[in-house]
Amino acid sequence: QVQLVESGGGLVQLGGSLRLSCATSGISFGIYTMGWYRQAPGKQRELVATITSTSRTTYADSVKGRFSISRDNTKNTAYLQMNNLKYEDTAVYFCRAADARRDYWGQGTQVTVSS
């Protein structure tokens, strides 16, 4: 059974930091591209960052320089380090594992940025 479990979300002050984790099981983690997506109320889900099996990364323009995606293949876990958080970063953050044929999602973790 494939599982992707996000954790690390919560309430954070403007300008603060959070580190999200996505723990996986049931997949050959090392071959998958891992991604973080987010969905704010009333908006479509959007890509935040991805990291390939060879650790190549991409970022949405809105988070470049503030967020960092990484992976630990020994722990089957992906991470999203979020710094200098802004109000507009408030959303549910989802983890995704994808290869050429398969696509799995986690249940999401809420991130709320407050004053």
Protein backbone atom coordinates (compact mmCIF):
# COMPACT_ATOMS: atom_id res chain seq x y z
CA GLN A 1 0.00 0.00 0.00
CA VAL A 2 1.37 3.36 -1.04
CA GLN A 3 1.34 6.11 1.55
CA LEU A 4 2.53 9.70 1.46
CA VAL A 5 2.20 11.44 4.80
CA GLU A 6 2.88 15.14 5.14
CA SER A 7 3.77 16.74 8.44
CA GLY A 8 5.24 19.94 9.80
CA GLY A 9 2.49 22.36 8.94
CA GLY A 10 0.98 24.77 11.39
CA LEU A 11 0.54 28.38 12.36
CA VAL A 12 3.56 30.62 11.84
CA GLN A 13 4.15 34.33 12.08
CA LEU A 14 4.84 36.50 9.10
CA GLY A 15 8.51 36.15 8.19
CA GLY A 16 8.86 32.88 10.04
CA SER A 17 9.95 29.44 8.90
CA LEU A 18 8.55 25.95 8.69
CA ARG A 19 9.89 22.66 7.44
CA LEU A 20 7.45 20.26 5.86
CA SER A 21 8.15 16.55 5.58
CA CYS A 22 6.66 13.95 3.27
CA ALA A 23 7.27 10.43 4.51
CA THR A 24 6.58 7.75 1.94
CA SER A 25 6.09 4.02 2.01
CA GLY A 26 5.16 1.40 -0.55
CA ILE A 27 7.12 2.98 -3.40
CA SER A 28 10.67 2.81 -4.70
CA PHE A 29 11.25 6.31 -3.44
CA GLY A 30 14.57 6.88 -5.16
CA ILE A 31 13.18 6.69 -8.68
CA TYR A 32 10.34 9.12 -8.16
CA THR A 33 10.19 12.83 -8.79
CA MET A 34 8.87 14.40 -5.62
CA GLY A 35 6.84 17.55 -5.65
CA TRP A 36 5.20 19.98 -3.28
CA TYR A 37 1.98 21.68 -4.31
CA ARG A 38 -0.36 24.00 -2.47
CA GLN A 39 -3.96 25.04 -2.63
CA ALA A 40 -5.31 28.18 -1.03
CA PRO A 41 -9.04 28.64 -0.36
CA GLY A 42 -10.90 29.38 -3.57
CA LYS A 43 -7.84 28.83 -5.72
CA GLN A 44 -6.51 26.05 -7.88
CA ARG A 45 -3.77 23.76 -6.71
CA GLU A 46 -0.39 25.08 -7.83
CA LEU A 47 3.10 23.72 -8.09
CA VAL A 48 5.54 24.92 -5.45
CA ALA A 49 8.67 22.89 -6.07
CA THR A 50 9.91 19.61 -7.48
CA ILE A 51 13.00 17.47 -7.08
CA THR A 52 13.90 14.69 -9.47
CA SER A 53 15.51 11.36 -8.75
CA THR A 54 18.85 12.99 -9.56
CA SER A 55 18.05 15.92 -7.24
CA ARG A 56 17.42 18.50 -9.91
CA THR A 57 15.07 21.10 -8.50
CA THR A 58 12.52 23.55 -9.84
CA TYR A 59 10.58 26.26 -8.04
CA ALA A 60 7.60 28.46 -8.62
CA ASP A 61 8.68 32.07 -9.10
CA SER A 62 6.71 33.07 -6.03
CA VAL A 63 8.89 30.96 -3.72
CA LYS A 64 12.32 31.18 -5.34
CA GLY A 65 14.94 32.25 -2.84
CA ARG A 66 12.66 31.49 0.11
CA PHE A 67 11.80 27.79 -0.18
CA SER A 68 14.09 24.83 -0.61
CA ILE A 69 13.09 21.29 -1.57
CA SER A 70 15.25 18.32 -0.68
CA ARG A 71 15.09 14.58 -0.33
CA ASP A 72 16.65 11.87 1.78
CA ASN A 73 16.55 8.59 -0.11
CA THR A 74 17.72 6.70 2.99
CA LYS A 75 14.57 7.83 4.82
CA ASN A 76 12.19 7.77 1.83
CA THR A 77 11.28 11.33 2.74
CA ALA A 78 11.06 14.63 0.94
CA TYR A 79 11.25 18.02 2.62
CA LEU A 80 10.23 21.59 1.97
CA GLN A 81 12.08 24.23 3.95
CA MET A 82 10.06 27.43 3.91
CA ASN A 83 11.65 30.68 5.06
CA ASN A 84 10.49 34.27 5.16
CA LEU A 85 6.87 33.16 4.97
CA LYS A 86 4.31 35.56 3.59
CA TYR A 87 0.54 35.78 4.03
CA GLU A 88 0.09 34.47 0.50
CA ASP A 89 1.88 31.26 1.44
CA THR A 90 -1.15 30.27 3.51
CA ALA A 91 -2.53 27.09 1.95
CA VAL A 92 -2.83 23.36 2.27
CA TYR A 93 0.45 21.84 1.11
CA PHE A 94 0.42 18.50 -0.68
CA CYS A 95 3.19 16.09 -1.46
CA ARG A 96 3.28 14.22 -4.75
CA ALA A 97 5.36 11.28 -5.99
CA ALA A 98 5.39 10.71 -9.72
CA ASP A 99 7.17 8.70 -12.35
CA ALA A 100 6.33 8.01 -15.99
CA ARG A 101 3.39 5.79 -15.14
CA ARG A 102 2.32 6.42 -11.57
CA ASP A 103 1.21 9.38 -9.55
CA TYR A 104 0.56 9.47 -5.81
CA TRP A 105 -0.58 12.25 -3.47
CA GLY A 106 -0.58 12.83 0.23
CA GLN A 107 -3.51 14.13 2.24
CA GLY A 108 -2.06 17.60 2.78
CA THR A 109 -0.93 19.71 5.70
CA GLN A 110 -2.19 23.18 6.54
CA VAL A 111 0.18 26.12 6.66
CA THR A 112 -1.20 29.38 8.01
CA VAL A 113 0.83 32.58 8.12
CA SER A 114 -0.41 35.15 10.60
CA SER A 115 0.62 38.55 11.87
